[in-house]
Protein backbone atom coordinates (compact mmCIF):
# COMPACT_ATOMS: atom_id res chain seq x y z
CA MET A 1 3.05 -19.10 -8.89
CA LYS A 2 0.52 -19.29 -11.77
CA VAL A 3 -1.14 -16.08 -12.79
CA ILE A 4 -4.79 -16.20 -13.70
CA GLU A 5 -5.68 -13.92 -16.59
CA PRO A 6 -9.21 -12.43 -16.81
CA LYS A 7 -11.59 -14.09 -19.29
CA GLU A 8 -13.16 -10.73 -20.26
CA ILE A 9 -13.02 -7.13 -19.22
CA ILE A 10 -16.19 -5.00 -19.86
CA GLU A 11 -16.04 -1.23 -19.53
CA THR A 12 -19.17 0.92 -19.58
CA ILE A 13 -18.86 4.66 -19.98
CA SER A 14 -21.93 6.72 -19.06
CA ASN A 15 -22.96 10.27 -18.24
CA LEU A 16 -23.71 10.99 -14.57
CA LYS A 17 -26.24 13.70 -15.36
CA THR A 18 -28.21 12.30 -18.34
CA GLY A 19 -27.52 8.56 -18.02
CA GLU A 20 -26.49 8.36 -21.68
CA VAL A 21 -24.13 5.37 -22.47
CA TYR A 22 -21.16 5.99 -24.82
CA LYS A 23 -19.25 3.34 -26.87
CA ASN A 24 -15.82 4.79 -26.24
CA ASP A 25 -13.87 7.97 -25.02
CA GLU A 26 -13.97 9.62 -28.48
CA GLU A 27 -17.72 9.71 -28.53
CA TRP A 28 -18.27 11.68 -25.28
CA LYS A 29 -15.26 14.01 -26.05
CA ALA A 30 -16.81 14.81 -29.48
CA LYS A 31 -20.02 15.85 -27.82
CA GLY A 32 -18.17 18.13 -25.49
CA VAL A 33 -19.15 16.47 -22.23
CA PRO A 34 -16.95 17.54 -19.34
CA GLU A 35 -14.85 14.66 -17.82
CA ALA A 36 -16.46 15.38 -14.32
CA HIS A 37 -19.78 14.11 -15.72
CA ILE A 38 -18.40 10.77 -16.87
CA ARG A 39 -18.76 7.54 -14.93
CA ARG A 40 -16.72 4.46 -15.77
CA ASP A 41 -17.83 0.94 -14.62
CA VAL A 42 -15.44 -1.87 -15.12
CA LYS A 43 -16.55 -5.53 -14.87
CA VAL A 44 -13.80 -8.22 -14.85
CA VAL A 45 -15.01 -11.70 -15.68
CA MET A 46 -12.63 -14.36 -14.40
CA PRO A 47 -12.45 -18.00 -15.57
CA SER A 48 -13.86 -20.59 -13.22
CA LEU A 49 -11.44 -22.20 -10.75
CA ASP A 50 -11.13 -25.84 -9.98
CA LEU A 51 -11.75 -25.89 -6.25
CA PHE A 52 -11.39 -29.70 -5.83
CA GLY A 53 -8.08 -31.26 -6.58
CA LYS A 54 -7.89 -34.67 -8.17
CA THR A 55 -7.72 -37.62 -5.78
CA LYS A 56 -6.02 -41.03 -6.27
């Protein structure tokens, strides 16, 4: 069985209370934001699939 690898994985880290968006984990940890106020959104972009097989 062929395994399809994701084309791209995009992770967005934001603060639930203020809506501030952080670049990485170190940024919000350095600001002293509690982990309970952190929201992580993950978007996985997959390559397109060939839905129609080749015919003779």
